[in-house]
Amino acid sequence: MTAEEEDVWVSDSSAERFTRADARKDALKRQIEAKKGKPINKREEQGLKELKTKVNLNSLQSQVSGKADEEKKRAAKAAEEKKHETFGTKTHQQEEKAEVENAQVKASPERLIRKEKAKEEEQKQASQEYQQQVG
């Protein structure tokens, strides 16, 4: 029998058999504590759990506050833009800005034709590649 087996299996005549309810559990605890370097008592374990909880809480709070700051910045920016907006009429600058945005977004006939040609060329190229692979 090795030293490890002796820790797990306590002999019938040993007094240790009557003092320990679960010899395996105690042996595993001793092995783990030996690997760690020092035993941890329940108070220290509870303190470590509380510390971990506090760290997690602080990181969560910082994440939430970061999102709140972003929301505040967006709201302030929107309020700033509304301050410069006139009621009922638009300034020339606002009209130009709106026209530029619309021109960038709207599809003109030339754009549609270019897109269609590009699509056709892609189809031709894909069919040629397919023919090369098959043939």
Protein backbone atom coordinates (compact mmCIF):
# COMPACT_ATOMS: atom_id res chain seq x y z
CA MET A 1 0.00 0.00 0.00
CA THR A 2 1.28 3.48 -0.87
CA ALA A 3 1.08 6.57 1.31
CA GLU A 4 -1.81 7.91 -0.77
CA GLU A 5 -3.78 4.71 -0.36
CA GLU A 6 -3.22 4.80 3.38
CA ASP A 7 -4.83 8.24 3.51
CA VAL A 8 -7.87 7.01 1.63
CA TRP A 9 -8.35 3.65 3.30
CA VAL A 10 -8.09 3.78 7.05
CA SER A 11 -7.58 0.42 8.74
CA ASP A 12 -10.27 -1.06 10.96
CA SER A 13 -8.10 -0.88 14.06
CA SER A 14 -7.16 2.76 13.59
CA ALA A 15 -8.71 5.38 15.86
CA GLU A 16 -8.91 7.67 12.83
CA ARG A 17 -11.71 5.52 11.47
CA PHE A 18 -14.01 6.60 14.29
CA THR A 19 -13.12 10.30 14.22
CA ARG A 20 -13.58 10.92 10.51
CA ALA A 21 -16.87 10.44 8.76
CA ASP A 22 -15.40 10.55 5.26
CA ALA A 23 -11.74 9.58 5.00
CA ARG A 24 -11.58 10.18 1.24
CA LYS A 25 -12.84 13.71 1.58
CA ASP A 26 -10.29 14.52 4.25
CA ALA A 27 -7.48 12.97 2.21
CA LEU A 28 -8.44 15.02 -0.83
CA LYS A 29 -8.58 18.17 1.29
CA ARG A 30 -5.10 17.47 2.60
CA GLN A 31 -3.78 16.91 -0.91
CA ILE A 32 -5.32 20.14 -2.17
CA GLU A 33 -4.07 22.12 0.82
CA ALA A 34 -0.59 20.70 0.36
CA LYS A 35 -0.61 21.81 -3.26
CA LYS A 36 -1.82 25.29 -2.36
CA GLY A 37 0.72 25.78 0.34
CA LYS A 38 -1.54 26.76 3.22
CA PRO A 39 -4.94 25.67 4.46
CA ILE A 40 -7.87 28.02 4.03
CA ASN A 41 -10.33 28.24 6.84
CA LYS A 42 -14.00 29.07 6.46
CA ARG A 43 -13.56 32.71 7.47
CA GLU A 44 -10.90 33.29 4.83
CA GLU A 45 -12.99 31.47 2.27
CA GLN A 46 -15.99 33.68 3.07
CA GLY A 47 -13.77 36.77 2.85
CA LEU A 48 -12.52 35.69 -0.57
CA LYS A 49 -16.08 35.13 -1.76
CA GLU A 50 -17.12 38.59 -0.55
CA LEU A 51 -14.09 40.17 -2.22
CA LYS A 52 -14.88 38.43 -5.50
CA THR A 53 -18.49 39.59 -5.25
CA LYS A 54 -17.37 43.19 -4.67
CA VAL A 55 -14.99 43.06 -7.63
CA ASN A 56 -17.73 41.69 -9.86
CA LEU A 57 -20.15 44.35 -8.61
CA ASN A 58 -17.64 47.14 -9.28
CA SER A 59 -16.96 45.91 -12.82
CA LEU A 60 -20.69 45.66 -13.50
CA GLN A 61 -21.28 49.16 -12.16
CA SER A 62 -18.51 50.55 -14.35
CA GLN A 63 -20.03 48.88 -17.41
CA VAL A 64 -23.47 50.28 -16.60
CA SER A 65 -22.09 53.76 -15.92
CA GLY A 66 -20.21 53.65 -19.24
CA LYS A 67 -23.47 52.93 -21.07
CA ALA A 68 -25.22 55.70 -19.14
CA ASP A 69 -22.47 58.15 -20.13
CA GLU A 70 -22.89 57.21 -23.78
CA GLU A 71 -26.64 57.80 -23.51
CA LYS A 72 -26.05 61.19 -21.90
CA LYS A 73 -23.65 62.17 -24.69
CA ARG A 74 -26.15 61.13 -27.37
CA ALA A 75 -28.95 63.05 -25.66
CA ALA A 76 -26.76 66.16 -25.32
CA LYS A 77 -25.78 65.96 -28.99
CA ALA A 78 -29.42 65.62 -30.05
CA ALA A 79 -30.38 68.58 -27.85
CA GLU A 80 -27.55 70.65 -29.35
CA GLU A 81 -28.76 69.87 -32.86
CA LYS A 82 -32.32 70.84 -31.94
CA LYS A 83 -31.14 74.20 -30.59
CA HIS A 84 -29.84 75.21 -34.00
CA GLU A 85 -32.99 74.10 -35.78
CA THR A 86 -35.44 76.85 -36.66
CA PHE A 87 -39.17 76.38 -36.37
CA GLY A 88 -41.23 76.36 -39.54
CA THR A 89 -38.42 77.25 -41.93
CA LYS A 90 -35.09 75.68 -42.70
CA THR A 91 -31.90 77.54 -43.26
CA HIS A 92 -30.03 77.16 -46.55
CA GLN A 93 -27.36 75.14 -44.77
CA GLN A 94 -29.93 72.67 -43.42
CA GLU A 95 -31.55 72.32 -46.83
CA GLU A 96 -28.19 71.67 -48.49
CA LYS A 97 -27.28 69.10 -45.86
CA ALA A 98 -30.62 67.31 -46.35
CA GLU A 99 -30.20 67.32 -50.15
CA VAL A 100 -26.68 65.89 -49.90
CA GLU A 101 -27.87 63.11 -47.59
CA ASN A 102 -30.79 62.31 -49.89
CA ALA A 103 -28.55 62.27 -52.97
CA GLN A 104 -26.19 59.85 -51.28
CA VAL A 105 -29.00 57.53 -50.28
CA LYS A 106 -31.36 57.73 -53.29
CA ALA A 107 -30.80 55.42 -56.22
CA SER A 108 -30.41 57.33 -59.47
CA PRO A 109 -31.04 55.70 -62.87
CA GLU A 110 -27.30 55.72 -63.61
CA ARG A 111 -26.58 53.90 -60.36
CA LEU A 112 -29.24 51.30 -61.07
CA ILE A 113 -27.82 50.72 -64.57
CA ARG A 114 -24.28 50.37 -63.16
CA LYS A 115 -25.48 47.91 -60.52
CA GLU A 116 -27.31 45.85 -63.13
CA LYS A 117 -24.23 45.73 -65.40
CA ALA A 118 -22.02 44.72 -62.48
CA LYS A 119 -24.47 41.96 -61.58
CA GLU A 120 -24.50 40.67 -65.16
CA GLU A 121 -20.69 40.66 -65.30
CA GLU A 122 -20.53 38.74 -62.03
CA GLN A 123 -22.97 36.19 -63.41
CA LYS A 124 -20.93 35.80 -66.60
CA GLN A 125 -17.73 35.34 -64.62
CA ALA A 126 -19.40 32.84 -62.28
CA SER A 127 -20.75 30.83 -65.23
CA GLN A 128 -17.30 30.82 -66.87
CA GLU A 129 -15.71 29.57 -63.65
CA TYR A 130 -18.38 26.91 -63.35
CA GLN A 131 -17.78 25.79 -66.94
CA GLN A 132 -14.05 25.55 -66.23
CA GLN A 133 -14.66 23.47 -63.14
CA VAL A 134 -17.14 21.15 -64.84
CA GLY A 135 -15.48 20.94 -68.27
